[in-house]
C-alpha atoms as a PDB file:
ATOM      1  CA  MET A   1      69.278  -5.335  14.276  1.00  0.00           C
ATOM      2  CA  LYS A   2      67.240  -3.350  17.617  1.00  0.00           C
ATOM      3  CA  LEU A   3      68.463  -0.244  19.380  1.00  0.00           C
ATOM      4  CA  SER A   4      68.273  -1.209  23.369  1.00  0.00           C
ATOM      5  CA  ARG A   5      66.314   1.878  25.367  1.00  0.00           C
ATOM      6  CA  ARG A   6      70.259   3.049  26.184  1.00  0.00           C
ATOM      7  CA  SER A   7      71.419   3.081  22.386  1.00  0.00           C
ATOM      8  CA  LEU A   8      68.385   5.029  21.145  1.00  0.00           C
ATOM      9  CA  ILE A   9      68.960   7.835  24.062  1.00  0.00           C
ATOM     10  CA  LYS A  10      72.464   7.986  23.485  1.00  0.00           C
ATOM     11  CA  THR A  11      71.959   7.580  19.672  1.00  0.00           C
ATOM     12  CA  GLY A  12      69.760  11.192  20.125  1.00  0.00           C
ATOM     13  CA  GLY A  13      71.621  13.531  22.101  1.00  0.00           C
ATOM     14  CA  ALA A  14      74.502  12.511  19.987  1.00  0.00           C
ATOM     15  CA  MET A  15      72.170  13.937  17.226  1.00  0.00           C
ATOM     16  CA  LEU A  16      70.739  16.613  19.602  1.00  0.00           C
ATOM     17  CA  ALA A  17      73.983  18.011  19.845  1.00  0.00           C
ATOM     18  CA  ALA A  18      75.391  17.647  16.502  1.00  0.00           C
ATOM     19  CA  PRO A  19      73.980  21.017  15.499  1.00  0.00           C
ATOM     20  CA  PHE A  20      75.766  22.336  18.407  1.00  0.00           C
ATOM     21  CA  ILE A  21      78.613  21.416  17.778  1.00  0.00           C
ATOM     22  CA  LEU A  22      78.560  22.307  14.166  1.00  0.00           C
ATOM     23  CA  GLY A  23      77.161  25.638  15.157  1.00  0.00           C
ATOM     24  CA  ALA A  24      80.050  26.439  17.740  1.00  0.00           C
ATOM     25  CA  GLY A  25      82.563  25.886  14.689  1.00  0.00           C
ATOM     26  CA  GLY A  26      80.697  28.070  11.824  1.00  0.00           C
ATOM     27  CA  ALA A  27      80.677  30.869  14.865  1.00  0.00           C
ATOM     28  CA  ARG A  28      84.829  30.935  15.119  1.00  0.00           C
ATOM     29  CA  ALA A  29      84.671  30.766  11.446  1.00  0.00           C
ATOM     30  CA  GLN A  30      83.303  33.841  11.638  1.00  0.00           C
ATOM     31  CA  SER A  31      84.628  35.459  14.442  1.00  0.00           C
ATOM     32  CA  ALA A  32      86.579  38.624  14.580  1.00  0.00           C
ATOM     33  CA  VAL A  33      90.088  38.496  12.862  1.00  0.00           C
ATOM     34  CA  THR A  34      92.568  41.427  14.974  1.00  0.00           C
ATOM     35  CA  LEU A  35      95.786  42.164  13.707  1.00  0.00           C
ATOM     36  CA  LYS A  36      98.093  44.011  14.891  1.00  0.00           C
ATOM     37  CA  LEU A  37      99.588  47.767  13.847  1.00  0.00           C
ATOM     38  CA  HIS A  38     102.520  48.967  15.214  1.00  0.00           C
ATOM     39  CA  HIS A  39     104.048  52.488  14.123  1.00  0.00           C
ATOM     40  CA  PHE A  40     106.868  54.853  15.473  1.00  0.00           C
ATOM     41  CA  LEU A  41     104.556  58.419  16.419  1.00  0.00           C
ATOM     42  CA  PRO A  42     103.090  59.145  19.453  1.00  0.00           C
ATOM     43  CA  PRO A  43      99.045  58.548  20.374  1.00  0.00           C
ATOM     44  CA  ALA A  44      98.920  62.086  20.172  1.00  0.00           C
ATOM     45  CA  SER A  45     100.326  62.462  16.568  1.00  0.00           C
ATOM     46  CA  ASN A  46      97.920  63.553  13.674  1.00  0.00           C
ATOM     47  CA  VAL A  47      98.751  60.262  11.484  1.00  0.00           C
ATOM     48  CA  HIS A  48      97.861  58.060  14.790  1.00  0.00           C
ATOM     49  CA  GLN A  49      94.467  59.772  15.268  1.00  0.00           C
ATOM     50  CA  LYS A  50      93.219  61.325  12.199  1.00  0.00           C
ATOM     51  CA  LEU A  51      94.254  59.016   9.558  1.00  0.00           C
ATOM     52  CA  LEU A  52      95.147  55.261  10.830  1.00  0.00           C
ATOM     53  CA  THR A  53      92.371  55.439  14.116  1.00  0.00           C
ATOM     54  CA  PRO A  54      90.025  56.572  11.478  1.00  0.00           C
ATOM     55  CA  TRP A  55      90.894  54.117   8.392  1.00  0.00           C
ATOM     56  CA  VAL A  56      90.712  51.058  11.273  1.00  0.00           C
ATOM     57  CA  LYS A  57      87.405  51.902  13.031  1.00  0.00           C
ATOM     58  CA  ALA A  58      86.044  52.452   8.614  1.00  0.00           C
ATOM     59  CA  LEU A  59      87.456  48.380   8.249  1.00  0.00           C
ATOM     60  CA  GLU A  60      85.464  47.511  11.725  1.00  0.00           C
ATOM     61  CA  GLU A  61      82.310  48.852  10.519  1.00  0.00           C
ATOM     62  CA  GLN A  62      82.503  47.709   7.089  1.00  0.00           C
ATOM     63  CA  SER A  63      82.651  44.524   7.687  1.00  0.00           C
ATOM     64  CA  GLY A  64      80.304  44.079  10.613  1.00  0.00           C
ATOM     65  CA  GLY A  65      83.134  44.178  13.658  1.00  0.00           C
ATOM     66  CA  ALA A  66      84.636  40.716  12.404  1.00  0.00           C
ATOM     67  CA  LEU A  67      87.741  42.823  11.016  1.00  0.00           C
ATOM     68  CA  LYS A  68      90.017  44.046  13.939  1.00  0.00           C
ATOM     69  CA  VAL A  69      93.107  46.340  14.357  1.00  0.00           C
ATOM     70  CA  ASP A  70      94.761  47.302  17.177  1.00  0.00           C
ATOM     71  CA  ILE A  71      97.250  50.611  17.338  1.00  0.00           C
ATOM     72  CA  PHE A  72     100.522  50.278  18.280  1.00  0.00           C
ATOM     73  CA  PRO A  73     102.428  53.594  18.972  1.00  0.00           C
ATOM     74  CA  ALA A  74     105.575  54.472  19.813  1.00  0.00           C
ATOM     75  CA  MET A  75     106.886  51.501  19.058  1.00  0.00           C
ATOM     76  CA  GLN A  76     106.042  49.804  21.621  1.00  0.00           C
ATOM     77  CA  LEU A  77     105.739  46.442  20.445  1.00  0.00           C
ATOM     78  CA  GLY A  78     109.682  46.804  20.709  1.00  0.00           C
ATOM     79  CA  GLY A  79     112.200  47.408  17.716  1.00  0.00           C
ATOM     80  CA  LYS A  80     113.794  50.670  16.705  1.00  0.00           C
ATOM     81  CA  PRO A  81     111.243  52.854  13.513  1.00  0.00           C
ATOM     82  CA  PRO A  82     114.147  51.349  10.601  1.00  0.00           C
ATOM     83  CA  GLN A  83     113.298  47.711  11.578  1.00  0.00           C
ATOM     84  CA  LEU A  84     108.819  48.378  10.979  1.00  0.00           C
ATOM     85  CA  TYR A  85     109.114  47.148   8.103  1.00  0.00           C
ATOM     86  CA  ASP A  86     111.155  43.460   8.999  1.00  0.00           C
ATOM     87  CA  GLN A  87     108.350  42.982  11.054  1.00  0.00           C
ATOM     88  CA  ALA A  88     105.597  43.111   8.722  1.00  0.00           C
ATOM     89  CA  ALA A  89     107.902  40.803   6.432  1.00  0.00           C
ATOM     90  CA  ASN A  90     108.542  38.307   8.934  1.00  0.00           C
ATOM     91  CA  GLY A  91     104.899  38.070  11.087  1.00  0.00           C
ATOM     92  CA  VAL A  92     106.092  39.760  14.275  1.00  0.00           C
ATOM     93  CA  VAL A  93     102.933  41.739  13.478  1.00  0.00           C
ATOM     94  CA  ASP A  94     100.436  42.120  10.980  1.00  0.00           C
ATOM     95  CA  ILE A  95     100.816  45.847   9.186  1.00  0.00           C
ATOM     96  CA  VAL A  96     102.826  48.930  10.083  1.00  0.00           C
ATOM     97  CA  TRP A  97     103.050  52.336   8.659  1.00  0.00           C
ATOM     98  CA  THR A  98     106.585  52.929   8.050  1.00  0.00           C
ATOM     99  CA  LEU A  99     109.290  54.888   5.540  1.00  0.00           C
ATOM    100  CA  PRO A 100     110.885  53.527   3.270  1.00  0.00           C
ATOM    101  CA  GLY A 101     113.434  56.425   3.178  1.00  0.00           C
ATOM    102  CA  ASN A 102     114.517  54.199   6.941  1.00  0.00           C
ATOM    103  CA  THR A 103     116.166  51.909   4.844  1.00  0.00           C
ATOM    104  CA  PRO A 104     118.201  53.697   2.703  1.00  0.00           C
ATOM    105  CA  GLY A 105     118.968  52.100  -0.823  1.00  0.00           C
ATOM    106  CA  ARG A 106     116.885  49.125   0.140  1.00  0.00           C
ATOM    107  CA  PHE A 107     113.746  50.252  -1.936  1.00  0.00           C
ATOM    108  CA  PRO A 108     115.624  52.690  -4.951  1.00  0.00           C
ATOM    109  CA  SER A 109     112.081  53.169  -6.998  1.00  0.00           C
ATOM    110  CA  THR A 110     110.796  54.994  -4.142  1.00  0.00           C
ATOM    111  CA  GLU A 111     113.219  57.400  -3.816  1.00  0.00           C
ATOM    112  CA  VAL A 112     112.719  59.484  -6.933  1.00  0.00           C
ATOM    113  CA  PHE A 113     109.666  61.270  -4.777  1.00  0.00           C
ATOM    114  CA  GLU A 114     112.430  61.708  -2.193  1.00  0.00           C
ATOM    115  CA  LEU A 115     114.897  63.662  -5.193  1.00  0.00           C
ATOM    116  CA  PRO A 116     114.739  67.090  -4.189  1.00  0.00           C
ATOM    117  CA  PHE A 117     112.182  69.677  -6.242  1.00  0.00           C
ATOM    118  CA  VAL A 118     110.544  66.556  -7.941  1.00  0.00           C
ATOM    119  CA  ALA A 119     107.254  66.808  -5.169  1.00  0.00           C
ATOM    120  CA  ALA A 120     104.366  68.947  -4.726  1.00  0.00           C
ATOM    121  CA  ARG A 121     103.441  71.602  -2.532  1.00  0.00           C
ATOM    122  CA  GLU A 122     100.193  69.713  -1.985  1.00  0.00           C
ATOM    123  CA  ALA A 123     100.475  66.505  -0.187  1.00  0.00           C
ATOM    124  CA  ILE A 124      96.697  65.246  -1.906  1.00  0.00           C
ATOM    125  CA  VAL A 125      98.653  65.526  -5.320  1.00  0.00           C
ATOM    126  CA  ASN A 126     101.953  63.518  -3.441  1.00  0.00           C
ATOM    127  CA  ALA A 127     100.020  60.666  -2.549  1.00  0.00           C
ATOM    128  CA  GLN A 128      98.351  60.036  -5.373  1.00  0.00           C
ATOM    129  CA  ALA A 129     100.916  60.767  -7.403  1.00  0.00           C
ATOM    130  CA  CYS A 130     103.137  57.667  -5.048  1.00  0.00           C
ATOM    131  CA  GLN A 131     100.251  55.103  -5.309  1.00  0.00           C
ATOM    132  CA  GLU A 132      99.632  54.915  -8.962  1.00  0.00           C
ATOM    133  CA  TYR A 133     103.682  54.638  -9.576  1.00  0.00           C
ATOM    134  CA  GLY A 134     103.648  51.918  -6.919  1.00  0.00           C
ATOM    135  CA  GLN A 135     101.894  50.227  -8.731  1.00  0.00           C
ATOM    136  CA  THR A 136     104.171  50.028 -11.813  1.00  0.00           C
ATOM    137  CA  HIS A 137     107.512  50.211  -9.702  1.00  0.00           C
ATOM    138  CA  VAL A 138     107.462  49.417  -5.694  1.00  0.00           C
ATOM    139  CA  LEU A 139     105.765  46.359  -6.129  1.00  0.00           C
ATOM    140  CA  LYS A 140     108.545  44.457  -7.150  1.00  0.00           C
ATOM    141  CA  GLU A 141     110.767  45.816  -4.620  1.00  0.00           C
ATOM    142  CA  THR A 142     108.345  44.892  -1.927  1.00  0.00           C
ATOM    143  CA  GLY A 143     106.868  41.091  -2.958  1.00  0.00           C
ATOM    144  CA  ASP A 144     107.551  40.044   0.986  1.00  0.00           C
ATOM    145  CA  THR A 145     105.377  42.010   2.322  1.00  0.00           C
ATOM    146  CA  GLN A 146     101.177  43.194   0.712  1.00  0.00           C
ATOM    147  CA  LEU A 147     101.859  46.531   0.198  1.00  0.00           C
ATOM    148  CA  LEU A 148      98.441  48.176   1.021  1.00  0.00           C
ATOM    149  CA  CYS A 149      99.158  51.563   0.167  1.00  0.00           C
ATOM    150  CA  PHE A 150     102.780  54.109  -0.899  1.00  0.00           C
ATOM    151  CA  TRP A 151     102.462  57.246  -0.208  1.00  0.00           C
ATOM    152  CA  ALA A 152     104.394  60.600   0.702  1.00  0.00           C
ATOM    153  CA  HIS A 153     103.650  64.092   2.135  1.00  0.00           C
ATOM    154  CA  ASP A 154     103.333  67.827   1.848  1.00  0.00           C
ATOM    155  CA  HIS A 155     105.885  70.470   1.462  1.00  0.00           C
ATOM    156  CA  GLY A 156     109.117  69.716   4.081  1.00  0.00           C
ATOM    157  CA  LEU A 157     110.176  73.040   5.427  1.00  0.00           C
ATOM    158  CA  ILE A 158     113.464  74.161   7.720  1.00  0.00           C
ATOM    159  CA  HIS A 159     112.902  74.482  10.848  1.00  0.00           C
ATOM    160  CA  THR A 160     116.141  76.616  12.996  1.00  0.00           C
ATOM    161  CA  ASN A 161     116.694  78.413  16.158  1.00  0.00           C
ATOM    162  CA  LYS A 162     118.469  80.642  13.369  1.00  0.00           C
ATOM    163  CA  GLU A 163     116.812  82.461  10.360  1.00  0.00           C
ATOM    164  CA  ILE A 164     116.751  81.404   7.158  1.00  0.00           C
ATOM    165  CA  LYS A 165     116.811  83.753   3.700  1.00  0.00           C
ATOM    166  CA  SER A 166     119.585  81.764   1.936  1.00  0.00           C
ATOM    167  CA  ALA A 167     121.595  78.913   0.996  1.00  0.00           C
ATOM    168  CA  ALA A 168     124.741  80.981   3.334  1.00  0.00           C
ATOM    169  CA  ASP A 169     122.225  81.130   5.793  1.00  0.00           C
ATOM    170  CA  LEU A 170     121.976  77.572   5.984  1.00  0.00           C
ATOM    171  CA  ALA A 171     125.980  77.036   5.971  1.00  0.00           C
ATOM    172  CA  GLY A 172     127.556  74.723   8.658  1.00  0.00           C
ATOM    173  CA  LEU A 173     123.925  74.044  10.255  1.00  0.00           C
ATOM    174  CA  LYS A 174     123.020  70.155  11.559  1.00  0.00           C
ATOM    175  CA  LEU A 175     120.067  69.721   9.946  1.00  0.00           C
ATOM    176  CA  ARG A 176     117.815  66.807  10.917  1.00  0.00           C
ATOM    177  CA  ASN A 177     116.870  64.942   7.272  1.00  0.00           C
ATOM    178  CA  PRO A 178     114.279  62.573   7.318  1.00  0.00           C
ATOM    179  CA  THR A 179     115.662  60.685   3.839  1.00  0.00           C
ATOM    180  CA  ARG A 180     119.469  59.638   2.477  1.00  0.00           C
ATOM    181  CA  LEU A 181     118.584  61.942  -0.540  1.00  0.00           C
ATOM    182  CA  ALA A 182     117.057  64.772   1.648  1.00  0.00           C
ATOM    183  CA  GLY A 183     120.513  65.085   3.274  1.00  0.00           C
ATOM    184  CA  GLU A 184     122.819  65.340  -0.101  1.00  0.00           C
ATOM    185  CA  ALA A 185     120.380  68.409  -0.636  1.00  0.00           C
ATOM    186  CA  LEU A 186     121.511  69.759   2.224  1.00  0.00           C
ATOM    187  CA  ALA A 187     124.446  68.686   1.829  1.00  0.00           C
ATOM    188  CA  ALA A 188     124.929  70.341  -1.649  1.00  0.00           C
ATOM    189  CA  LEU A 189     122.995  73.636  -0.102  1.00  0.00           C
ATOM    190  CA  GLY A 190     125.641  73.973   2.610  1.00  0.00           C
ATOM    191  CA  ALA A 191     124.438  71.912   5.709  1.00  0.00           C
ATOM    192  CA  THR A 192     125.640  69.338   7.524  1.00  0.00           C
ATOM    193  CA  PRO A 193     122.564  66.337   7.877  1.00  0.00           C
ATOM    194  CA  VAL A 194     122.139  64.721  10.362  1.00  0.00           C
ATOM    195  CA  GLY A 195     120.189  61.358   9.456  1.00  0.00           C
ATOM    196  CA  MET A 196     117.503  59.879  12.095  1.00  0.00           C
ATOM    197  CA  PRO A 197     114.587  58.871  12.701  1.00  0.00           C
ATOM    198  CA  VAL A 198     112.155  61.247  13.617  1.00  0.00           C
ATOM    199  CA  PRO A 199     110.627  60.225  17.528  1.00  0.00           C
ATOM    200  CA  GLN A 200     114.750  61.293  18.317  1.00  0.00           C
ATOM    201  CA  VAL A 201     114.433  65.008  16.817  1.00  0.00           C
ATOM    202  CA  PRO A 202     113.425  66.246  19.921  1.00  0.00           C
ATOM    203  CA  GLU A 203     116.293  65.759  22.126  1.00  0.00           C
ATOM    204  CA  ALA A 204     118.236  66.285  20.059  1.00  0.00           C
ATOM    205  CA  LEU A 205     116.896  69.930  19.407  1.00  0.00           C
ATOM    206  CA  ALA A 206     116.538  70.400  23.120  1.00  0.00           C
ATOM    207  CA  GLN A 207     120.883  68.618  23.286  1.00  0.00           C
ATOM    208  CA  ARG A 208     121.949  71.025  20.659  1.00  0.00           C
ATOM    209  CA  ALA A 209     122.704  67.901  18.848  1.00  0.00           C
ATOM    210  CA  ILE A 210     121.230  69.425  16.336  1.00  0.00           C
ATOM    211  CA  ASP A 211     120.431  72.927  14.913  1.00  0.00           C
ATOM    212  CA  GLY A 212     117.481  72.524  13.195  1.00  0.00           C
ATOM    213  CA  CYS A 213     115.885  70.169  11.464  1.00  0.00           C
ATOM    214  CA  VAL A 214     113.475  69.142   8.191  1.00  0.00           C
ATOM    215  CA  ILE A 215     110.034  68.056   8.739  1.00  0.00           C
ATOM    216  CA  PRO A 216     106.203  69.174   7.567  1.00  0.00           C
ATOM    217  CA  TRP A 217     104.355  71.365   9.142  1.00  0.00           C
ATOM    218  CA  GLU A 218     101.891  67.928  10.376  1.00  0.00           C
ATOM    219  CA  VAL A 219     104.132  66.367  12.287  1.00  0.00           C
ATOM    220  CA  VAL A 220     105.677  69.770  13.890  1.00  0.00           C
ATOM    221  CA  PRO A 221     103.419  69.176  17.482  1.00  0.00           C
ATOM    222  CA  SER A 222     103.475  65.993  18.107  1.00  0.00           C
ATOM    223  CA  ILE A 223     107.454  66.439  18.381  1.00  0.00           C
ATOM    224  CA  LYS A 224     106.941  70.075  20.068  1.00  0.00           C
ATOM    225  CA  VAL A 225     109.477  71.410  17.296  1.00  0.00           C
ATOM    226  CA  ASN A 226     107.659  74.866  17.616  1.00  0.00           C
ATOM    227  CA  GLU A 227     108.916  75.134  21.217  1.00  0.00           C
ATOM    228  CA  LEU A 228     112.239  73.520  20.528  1.00  0.00           C
ATOM    229  CA  THR A 229     112.791  76.292  17.201  1.00  0.00           C
ATOM    230  CA  LYS A 230     111.523  80.209  16.709  1.00  0.00           C
ATOM    231  CA  PHE A 231     112.368  79.804  12.906  1.00  0.00           C
ATOM    232  CA  HIS A 232     110.065  78.177  10.042  1.00  0.00           C
ATOM    233  CA  THR A 233     111.462  78.200   7.108  1.00  0.00           C
ATOM    234  CA  GLU A 234     109.088  77.845   3.883  1.00  0.00           C
ATOM    235  CA  ILE A 235     109.685  77.181  -0.114  1.00  0.00           C
ATOM    236  CA  PRO A 236     107.364  78.500  -2.607  1.00  0.00           C
ATOM    237  CA  GLY A 237     105.680  76.422  -4.881  1.00  0.00           C
ATOM    238  CA  SER A 238     105.566  73.345  -6.766  1.00  0.00           C
ATOM    239  CA  PRO A 239     108.495  71.378  -6.561  1.00  0.00           C
ATOM    240  CA  THR A 240     109.044  71.856  -3.614  1.00  0.00           C
ATOM    241  CA  LEU A 241     112.359  71.052  -1.832  1.00  0.00           C
ATOM    242  CA  TYR A 242     111.436  67.596  -0.328  1.00  0.00           C
ATOM    243  CA  THR A 243     108.604  65.156   0.524  1.00  0.00           C
ATOM    244  CA  ALA A 244     109.498  61.689   2.532  1.00  0.00           C
ATOM    245  CA  THR A 245     107.650  58.591   1.837  1.00  0.00           C
ATOM    246  CA  PHE A 246     106.087  56.034   3.232  1.00  0.00           C
ATOM    247  CA  PHE A 247     104.151  52.739   3.510  1.00  0.00           C
ATOM    248  CA  LEU A 248     101.353  50.713   5.233  1.00  0.00           C
ATOM    249  CA  ALA A 249     102.401  47.263   4.326  1.00  0.00           C
ATOM    250  CA  MET A 250     101.123  43.888   5.607  1.00  0.00           C
ATOM    251  CA  ASN A 251     102.362  40.317   6.367  1.00  0.00           C
ATOM    252  CA  LYS A 252     101.956  39.132   3.494  1.00  0.00           C
ATOM    253  CA  GLY A 253     100.508  35.180   5.015  1.00  0.00           C
ATOM    254  CA  LYS A 254      98.586  36.972   6.471  1.00  0.00           C
ATOM    255  CA  TYR A 255      96.537  39.233   4.326  1.00  0.00           C
ATOM    256  CA  GLU A 256      96.118  36.366   1.777  1.00  0.00           C
ATOM    257  CA  GLY A 257      94.352  34.109   4.501  1.00  0.00           C
ATOM    258  CA  LEU A 258      92.189  36.372   5.487  1.00  0.00           C
ATOM    259  CA  PRO A 259      88.113  35.182   4.393  1.00  0.00           C
ATOM    260  CA  ALA A 260      87.560  36.818   0.779  1.00  0.00           C
ATOM    261  CA  ASP A 261      84.862  38.906   2.548  1.00  0.00           C
ATOM    262  CA  LEU A 262      87.524  40.610   4.677  1.00  0.00           C
ATOM    263  CA  LYS A 263      89.904  41.286   2.550  1.00  0.00           C
ATOM    264  CA  ALA A 264      87.785  43.087  -0.163  1.00  0.00           C
ATOM    265  CA  VAL A 265      86.617  45.361   2.687  1.00  0.00           C
ATOM    266  CA  LEU A 266      91.104  46.275   2.732  1.00  0.00           C
ATOM    267  CA  ASP A 267      91.138  46.133  -0.481  1.00  0.00           C
ATOM    268  CA  ALA A 268      88.628  48.709  -0.551  1.00  0.00           C
ATOM    269  CA  ASN A 269      89.766  50.879   2.345  1.00  0.00           C
ATOM    270  CA  SER A 270      93.682  51.011   1.206  1.00  0.00           C
ATOM    271  CA  GLY A 271      95.721  52.011  -2.096  1.00  0.00           C
ATOM    272  CA  ALA A 272      94.377  55.296  -4.000  1.00  0.00           C
ATOM    273  CA  ALA A 273      91.049  55.298  -1.605  1.00  0.00           C
ATOM    274  CA  PHE A 274      93.665  55.150   1.368  1.00  0.00           C
ATOM    275  CA  ALA A 275      96.416  57.328  -0.533  1.00  0.00           C
ATOM    276  CA  LYS A 276      93.321  60.215  -1.090  1.00  0.00           C
ATOM    277  CA  LYS A 277      92.598  60.445   2.451  1.00  0.00           C
ATOM    278  CA  ALA A 278      96.429  60.434   3.626  1.00  0.00           C
ATOM    279  CA  GLY A 279      96.874  63.404   1.574  1.00  0.00           C
ATOM    280  CA  GLU A 280      93.596  65.558   2.320  1.00  0.00           C
ATOM    281  CA  MET A 281      94.781  64.889   6.213  1.00  0.00           C
ATOM    282  CA  TRP A 282      98.298  66.187   5.641  1.00  0.00           C
ATOM    283  CA  ASP A 283      97.490  69.084   3.625  1.00  0.00           C
ATOM    284  CA  SER A 284      94.434  69.853   6.352  1.00  0.00           C
ATOM    285  CA  VAL A 285      96.810  69.094   9.410  1.00  0.00           C
ATOM    286  CA  GLY A 286      99.142  71.511   8.689  1.00  0.00           C
ATOM    287  CA  ALA A 287      97.690  74.435   7.585  1.00  0.00           C
ATOM    288  CA  ASP A 288      95.622  74.670  11.042  1.00  0.00           C
ATOM    289  CA  VAL A 289      99.628  73.336  12.272  1.00  0.00           C
ATOM    290  CA  ARG A 290     100.791  76.605  10.171  1.00  0.00           C
ATOM    291  CA  ALA A 291      97.757  78.759  11.202  1.00  0.00           C
ATOM    292  CA  SER A 292      98.196  78.183  14.932  1.00  0.00           C
ATOM    293  CA  ILE A 293     101.666  78.867  15.183  1.00  0.00           C
ATOM    294  CA  GLU A 294     101.306  81.936  13.543  1.00  0.00           C
ATOM    295  CA  THR A 295      98.688  83.366  15.465  1.00  0.00           C
ATOM    296  CA  SER A 296     100.500  82.876  18.510  1.00  0.00           C
ATOM    297  CA  GLY A 297     103.563  84.583  17.328  1.00  0.00           C
ATOM    298  CA  SER A 298     105.485  81.541  18.714  1.00  0.00           C
ATOM    299  CA  GLY A 299     107.891  81.024  15.899  1.00  0.00           C
ATOM    300  CA  ALA A 300     108.512  83.296  12.557  1.00  0.00           C
ATOM    301  CA  ILE A 301     107.863  81.751   9.947  1.00  0.00           C
ATOM    302  CA  SER A 302     109.275  82.760   6.581  1.00  0.00           C
ATOM    303  CA  THR A 303     109.131  82.466   3.308  1.00  0.00           C
ATOM    304  CA  ILE A 304     112.498  82.552   0.520  1.00  0.00           C
ATOM    305  CA  SER A 305     112.424  84.154  -2.470  1.00  0.00           C
ATOM    306  CA  GLU A 306     111.531  82.529  -6.030  1.00  0.00           C
ATOM    307  CA  ASP A 307     115.218  84.198  -6.936  1.00  0.00           C
ATOM    308  CA  GLU A 308     116.171  82.494  -3.837  1.00  0.00           C
ATOM    309  CA  LYS A 309     114.507  78.930  -4.667  1.00  0.00           C
ATOM    310  CA  ALA A 310     116.105  79.062  -8.455  1.00  0.00           C
ATOM    311  CA  LYS A 311     119.252  79.023  -6.839  1.00  0.00           C
ATOM    312  CA  TRP A 312     119.099  75.926  -4.788  1.00  0.00           C
ATOM    313  CA  VAL A 313     117.013  74.144  -8.279  1.00  0.00           C
ATOM    314  CA  GLU A 314     120.245  75.094  -9.670  1.00  0.00           C
ATOM    315  CA  ALA A 315     122.032  73.637  -6.589  1.00  0.00           C
ATOM    316  CA  THR A 316     120.914  70.537  -6.208  1.00  0.00           C
ATOM    317  CA  LYS A 317     120.922  69.055  -9.302  1.00  0.00           C
ATOM    318  CA  PRO A 318     124.293  67.334  -8.761  1.00  0.00           C
ATOM    319  CA  VAL A 319     121.728  64.907  -6.291  1.00  0.00           C
ATOM    320  CA  HIS A 320     119.782  64.199  -9.330  1.00  0.00           C
ATOM    321  CA  THR A 321     122.313  63.165 -11.599  1.00  0.00           C
ATOM    322  CA  LYS A 322     124.117  61.009  -8.550  1.00  0.00           C
ATOM    323  CA  TRP A 323     120.975  59.707  -7.953  1.00  0.00           C
ATOM    324  CA  VAL A 324     120.541  58.538 -11.939  1.00  0.00           C
ATOM    325  CA  GLU A 325     124.130  57.137 -11.799  1.00  0.00           C
ATOM    326  CA  ASP A 326     123.199  55.182  -8.652  1.00  0.00           C
ATOM    327  CA  MET A 327     119.883  53.492 -10.195  1.00  0.00           C
ATOM    328  CA  LYS A 328     122.136  51.824 -12.890  1.00  0.00           C
ATOM    329  CA  ALA A 329     124.432  49.768 -10.750  1.00  0.00           C
ATOM    330  CA  LYS A 330     121.142  48.629  -9.630  1.00  0.00           C
ATOM    331  CA  ASP A 331     119.621  48.142 -13.561  1.00  0.00           C
ATOM    332  CA  LEU A 332     116.735  51.051 -13.192  1.00  0.00           C
ATOM    333  CA  ASP A 333     116.748  53.840 -15.003  1.00  0.00           C
ATOM    334  CA  GLY A 334     116.557  56.712 -12.999  1.00  0.00           C
ATOM    335  CA  ASN A 335     115.475  59.495 -15.898  1.00  0.00           C
ATOM    336  CA  ALA A 336     113.132  57.196 -16.751  1.00  0.00           C
ATOM    337  CA  LEU A 337     111.576  57.715 -13.315  1.00  0.00           C
ATOM    338  CA  ILE A 338     111.981  60.759 -12.649  1.00  0.00           C
ATOM    339  CA  ASP A 339     109.510  61.325 -15.688  1.00  0.00           C
ATOM    340  CA  ALA A 340     107.147  58.712 -14.522  1.00  0.00           C
ATOM    341  CA  ALA A 341     107.119  60.877 -11.553  1.00  0.00           C
ATOM    342  CA  LYS A 342     106.981  64.201 -12.517  1.00  0.00           C
ATOM    343  CA  ALA A 343     103.927  63.400 -14.679  1.00  0.00           C
ATOM    344  CA  LEU A 344     102.305  61.194 -12.217  1.00  0.00           C
ATOM    345  CA  VAL A 345     102.511  64.819 -10.076  1.00  0.00           C
ATOM    346  CA  GLN A 346     101.356  67.078 -13.106  1.00  0.00           C
ATOM    347  CA  LYS A 347      98.498  64.493 -14.038  1.00  0.00           C
ATOM    348  CA  TYR A 348      97.705  64.722 -10.345  1.00  0.00           C
ATOM    349  CA  ALA A 349      97.632  68.731  -9.660  1.00  0.00           C
ATOM    350  CA  GLN A 350      95.735  69.447 -12.489  1.00  0.00           C
ATOM    351  CA  GLY A 351      93.162  67.370 -10.217  1.00  0.00           C
END
């Protein structure tokens, strides 16, 4: 069969075009993957600026620009903080930073670190202990997402407009609590717990809807608690009154659909690596915030005595007892979970 000159030109043109078509397809295959990360605090918050933003930068740099994450703070993509986990599970967004305590009872195994006087004073201890504990006890409760990290902050303290020296001073005070169990602990000490997401705290304080709140130092400036309260009461040593736990959770389908090389970059910067950075950030920033308030004289910082702390530990024991009973109804051995958590706290406290 002979080809005409016109056919040869057409065939040659098609052959010349083919590499460019394939090349364009290859370029598309290698184009950047951009994910959306949604969280509840303002962009000025320390977690946004000093934990999430550096994490995103590391992912982009280590992937050669192929893995990008756009951060949307302050619920910019809609919804309320308790809905964040489901936003990741349902693919509304790709990644969320949230508190499992925002949905009480949904992730029962996480609650052990939120029990009174289980967690350490230092975030670096709590964060690493939570992450290791989570690999055994939490993954089965978060199977509808890819749990990138489970961690906790440092010691929480009580911020009020009344000086607190003993449990008697807490009587009747309406205090915002971050989790169900922190609320039960406060109630056992005589306060009236008020559960609410942290972004609502400034308005509630300003309008006197609450008398104070329980949060760590790190978050104080971002929600102006240093301007809205006068007294900051710490609990000495470890274990401490409470901590709150966090999830960095990703849509499962989006995670599984990542190319292997990008998944490897994400994995290398998640889990234990992320938990350690989170713990370091909370401890460092918390110390800076405390020092700033102490230097400026904008608030009075005090610590209850060891003898008073012992009374608080005794007063909150029923919270443990009730939680263990609650776990039985969920086919969980609460005492075993407490033992596991305490052992890991001890492990990381020893370095």
